[in-house]
Amino acid sequence: MARIIKKISVILGVLVLAAIISCFLLEANEKQFNQEDWTSNPLMRYKMSKDIIESNMLIGKTKDEIIMLLGTSETSNLQGKEHVIYALGKPPSFFDEHAAKLVVIFENNLVTKVIHSHE
């Protein structure tokens, strides 16, 4: 009986440790948006993009406001709705090697949607 309790304790300890490490790794790959970091350190953009999308901070802004906030966008050859694209770099992953982009979509010169896109 004592052996079983010891095994259960070890298994629970490993599970708790794995949960703590997972939370740390998830948090390490996210960062709150900071305009100075966005413009001066493009390698941090991927980590800030989740905050930009989830907070809806760009929704309702004009194209000029977006350029003032995020800087000059990349040239895009995508057809369809008016949009701007910002390079986010490669995601911090061993499996996903495609570069990510932040796509800001406009209607009537106002942001209506912000999405992640992978090449």
C-alpha atoms as a PDB file:
ATOM      1  CA  MET A   1       0.000   0.000   0.000  1.00  0.00           C
ATOM      2  CA  ALA A   2       2.827   2.397   0.851  1.00  0.00           C
ATOM      3  CA  ARG A   3       4.414   1.644  -2.528  1.00  0.00           C
ATOM      4  CA  ILE A   4       1.238   2.598  -4.372  1.00  0.00           C
ATOM      5  CA  ILE A   5       0.952   5.867  -2.444  1.00  0.00           C
ATOM      6  CA  LYS A   6       4.591   6.656  -3.220  1.00  0.00           C
ATOM      7  CA  LYS A   7       4.052   5.965  -6.954  1.00  0.00           C
ATOM      8  CA  ILE A   8       0.940   8.151  -6.991  1.00  0.00           C
ATOM      9  CA  SER A   9       2.869  10.936  -5.226  1.00  0.00           C
ATOM     10  CA  VAL A  10       5.671  10.743  -7.795  1.00  0.00           C
ATOM     11  CA  ILE A  11       3.191  10.784 -10.703  1.00  0.00           C
ATOM     12  CA  LEU A  12       1.318  13.759  -9.240  1.00  0.00           C
ATOM     13  CA  GLY A  13       4.608  15.570  -8.645  1.00  0.00           C
ATOM     14  CA  VAL A  14       5.644  15.050 -12.262  1.00  0.00           C
ATOM     15  CA  LEU A  15       2.236  16.247 -13.515  1.00  0.00           C
ATOM     16  CA  VAL A  16       2.365  19.385 -11.367  1.00  0.00           C
ATOM     17  CA  LEU A  17       5.907  20.126 -12.531  1.00  0.00           C
ATOM     18  CA  ALA A  18       4.871  19.619 -16.171  1.00  0.00           C
ATOM     19  CA  ALA A  19       1.922  21.994 -15.701  1.00  0.00           C
ATOM     20  CA  ILE A  20       4.168  24.672 -14.192  1.00  0.00           C
ATOM     21  CA  ILE A  21       6.714  24.350 -16.999  1.00  0.00           C
ATOM     22  CA  SER A  22       3.942  24.504 -19.627  1.00  0.00           C
ATOM     23  CA  CYS A  23       2.518  27.687 -18.123  1.00  0.00           C
ATOM     24  CA  PHE A  24       5.970  29.259 -18.058  1.00  0.00           C
ATOM     25  CA  LEU A  25       6.651  28.355 -21.692  1.00  0.00           C
ATOM     26  CA  LEU A  26       3.286  29.689 -22.843  1.00  0.00           C
ATOM     27  CA  GLU A  27       3.862  32.951 -20.996  1.00  0.00           C
ATOM     28  CA  ALA A  28       7.411  33.225 -22.356  1.00  0.00           C
ATOM     29  CA  ASN A  29       6.036  33.266 -25.910  1.00  0.00           C
ATOM     30  CA  GLU A  30       3.630  36.152 -25.260  1.00  0.00           C
ATOM     31  CA  LYS A  31       4.292  39.804 -24.571  1.00  0.00           C
ATOM     32  CA  GLN A  32       2.040  42.797 -24.100  1.00  0.00           C
ATOM     33  CA  PHE A  33       2.172  45.227 -27.028  1.00  0.00           C
ATOM     34  CA  ASN A  34       4.703  48.020 -26.652  1.00  0.00           C
ATOM     35  CA  GLN A  35       5.108  50.471 -29.535  1.00  0.00           C
ATOM     36  CA  GLU A  36       8.788  51.112 -28.876  1.00  0.00           C
ATOM     37  CA  ASP A  37       9.602  47.380 -28.820  1.00  0.00           C
ATOM     38  CA  TRP A  38       7.465  46.804 -31.935  1.00  0.00           C
ATOM     39  CA  THR A  39       9.380  49.363 -33.988  1.00  0.00           C
ATOM     40  CA  SER A  40      12.873  48.851 -32.563  1.00  0.00           C
ATOM     41  CA  ASN A  41      12.908  45.068 -32.093  1.00  0.00           C
ATOM     42  CA  PRO A  42      11.121  43.203 -34.919  1.00  0.00           C
ATOM     43  CA  LEU A  43      12.064  39.843 -33.365  1.00  0.00           C
ATOM     44  CA  MET A  44       9.618  40.596 -30.516  1.00  0.00           C
ATOM     45  CA  ARG A  45       6.675  41.211 -32.850  1.00  0.00           C
ATOM     46  CA  TYR A  46       5.461  37.625 -32.910  1.00  0.00           C
ATOM     47  CA  LYS A  47       5.189  37.614 -29.121  1.00  0.00           C
ATOM     48  CA  MET A  48       3.202  40.889 -29.142  1.00  0.00           C
ATOM     49  CA  SER A  49       0.853  39.940 -31.977  1.00  0.00           C
ATOM     50  CA  LYS A  50      -1.462  37.850 -29.784  1.00  0.00           C
ATOM     51  CA  ASP A  51      -2.038  40.852 -27.508  1.00  0.00           C
ATOM     52  CA  ILE A  52      -2.735  43.078 -30.527  1.00  0.00           C
ATOM     53  CA  ILE A  53      -5.333  40.654 -31.885  1.00  0.00           C
ATOM     54  CA  GLU A  54      -7.026  39.632 -28.631  1.00  0.00           C
ATOM     55  CA  SER A  55      -7.259  43.159 -27.200  1.00  0.00           C
ATOM     56  CA  ASN A  56      -8.868  44.508 -30.413  1.00  0.00           C
ATOM     57  CA  MET A  57      -6.672  47.567 -29.933  1.00  0.00           C
ATOM     58  CA  LEU A  58      -6.521  48.293 -33.678  1.00  0.00           C
ATOM     59  CA  ILE A  59     -10.243  47.912 -34.414  1.00  0.00           C
ATOM     60  CA  GLY A  60     -11.788  51.223 -35.517  1.00  0.00           C
ATOM     61  CA  LYS A  61      -8.463  52.961 -36.170  1.00  0.00           C
ATOM     62  CA  THR A  62      -7.672  54.592 -39.506  1.00  0.00           C
ATOM     63  CA  LYS A  63      -4.875  53.503 -41.810  1.00  0.00           C
ATOM     64  CA  ASP A  64      -2.866  56.581 -40.836  1.00  0.00           C
ATOM     65  CA  GLU A  65      -3.268  55.732 -37.133  1.00  0.00           C
ATOM     66  CA  ILE A  66      -2.073  52.174 -37.802  1.00  0.00           C
ATOM     67  CA  ILE A  67       1.012  53.437 -39.625  1.00  0.00           C
ATOM     68  CA  MET A  68       1.731  55.878 -36.777  1.00  0.00           C
ATOM     69  CA  LEU A  69       1.410  53.046 -34.243  1.00  0.00           C
ATOM     70  CA  LEU A  70       3.057  50.118 -36.073  1.00  0.00           C
ATOM     71  CA  GLY A  71       5.232  51.873 -38.656  1.00  0.00           C
ATOM     72  CA  THR A  72       5.458  51.341 -42.392  1.00  0.00           C
ATOM     73  CA  SER A  73       3.911  48.106 -43.586  1.00  0.00           C
ATOM     74  CA  GLU A  74       5.202  45.611 -46.144  1.00  0.00           C
ATOM     75  CA  THR A  75       4.173  45.791 -49.768  1.00  0.00           C
ATOM     76  CA  SER A  76       1.382  43.320 -50.438  1.00  0.00           C
ATOM     77  CA  ASN A  77       0.238  41.697 -53.662  1.00  0.00           C
ATOM     78  CA  LEU A  78      -2.865  40.126 -52.108  1.00  0.00           C
ATOM     79  CA  GLN A  79      -6.103  40.920 -53.877  1.00  0.00           C
ATOM     80  CA  GLY A  80      -9.380  41.767 -52.204  1.00  0.00           C
ATOM     81  CA  LYS A  81     -10.072  44.015 -49.255  1.00  0.00           C
ATOM     82  CA  GLU A  82      -7.802  46.921 -48.456  1.00  0.00           C
ATOM     83  CA  HIS A  83      -5.179  45.801 -45.947  1.00  0.00           C
ATOM     84  CA  VAL A  84      -1.659  46.263 -44.639  1.00  0.00           C
ATOM     85  CA  ILE A  85       0.772  43.531 -43.640  1.00  0.00           C
ATOM     86  CA  TYR A  86       3.484  43.479 -40.978  1.00  0.00           C
ATOM     87  CA  ALA A  87       6.161  40.790 -40.779  1.00  0.00           C
ATOM     88  CA  LEU A  88       6.184  38.910 -37.468  1.00  0.00           C
ATOM     89  CA  GLY A  89       9.066  36.576 -38.200  1.00  0.00           C
ATOM     90  CA  LYS A  90       9.090  32.865 -37.522  1.00  0.00           C
ATOM     91  CA  PRO A  91       7.060  31.568 -34.597  1.00  0.00           C
ATOM     92  CA  PRO A  92       9.005  30.216 -31.618  1.00  0.00           C
ATOM     93  CA  SER A  93       8.435  26.586 -32.563  1.00  0.00           C
ATOM     94  CA  PHE A  94      10.418  23.558 -33.604  1.00  0.00           C
ATOM     95  CA  PHE A  95       7.705  22.473 -36.029  1.00  0.00           C
ATOM     96  CA  ASP A  96       6.423  25.636 -37.758  1.00  0.00           C
ATOM     97  CA  GLU A  97       9.092  27.078 -40.042  1.00  0.00           C
ATOM     98  CA  HIS A  98       6.839  29.437 -42.018  1.00  0.00           C
ATOM     99  CA  ALA A  99       7.149  33.146 -41.346  1.00  0.00           C
ATOM    100  CA  ALA A 100       4.074  34.745 -39.813  1.00  0.00           C
ATOM    101  CA  LYS A 101       2.461  38.040 -40.719  1.00  0.00           C
ATOM    102  CA  LEU A 102      -0.030  40.346 -39.065  1.00  0.00           C
ATOM    103  CA  VAL A 103      -2.740  41.320 -41.553  1.00  0.00           C
ATOM    104  CA  VAL A 104      -4.788  44.431 -40.761  1.00  0.00           C
ATOM    105  CA  ILE A 105      -7.987  44.636 -42.842  1.00  0.00           C
ATOM    106  CA  PHE A 106      -9.849  47.887 -43.511  1.00  0.00           C
ATOM    107  CA  GLU A 107     -13.355  48.803 -44.602  1.00  0.00           C
ATOM    108  CA  ASN A 108     -14.119  52.476 -45.276  1.00  0.00           C
ATOM    109  CA  ASN A 109     -10.588  53.333 -44.070  1.00  0.00           C
ATOM    110  CA  LEU A 110     -11.238  51.816 -40.607  1.00  0.00           C
ATOM    111  CA  VAL A 111      -9.761  48.593 -39.225  1.00  0.00           C
ATOM    112  CA  THR A 112     -12.403  45.866 -39.067  1.00  0.00           C
ATOM    113  CA  LYS A 113     -10.262  42.778 -38.549  1.00  0.00           C
ATOM    114  CA  VAL A 114      -6.718  41.783 -37.546  1.00  0.00           C
ATOM    115  CA  ILE A 115      -5.458  38.252 -38.216  1.00  0.00           C
ATOM    116  CA  HIS A 116      -2.347  36.065 -38.180  1.00  0.00           C
ATOM    117  CA  SER A 117      -1.268  34.708 -41.533  1.00  0.00           C
ATOM    118  CA  HIS A 118       1.459  32.185 -42.348  1.00  0.00           C
ATOM    119  CA  GLU A 119       3.324  32.125 -45.657  1.00  0.00           C
END
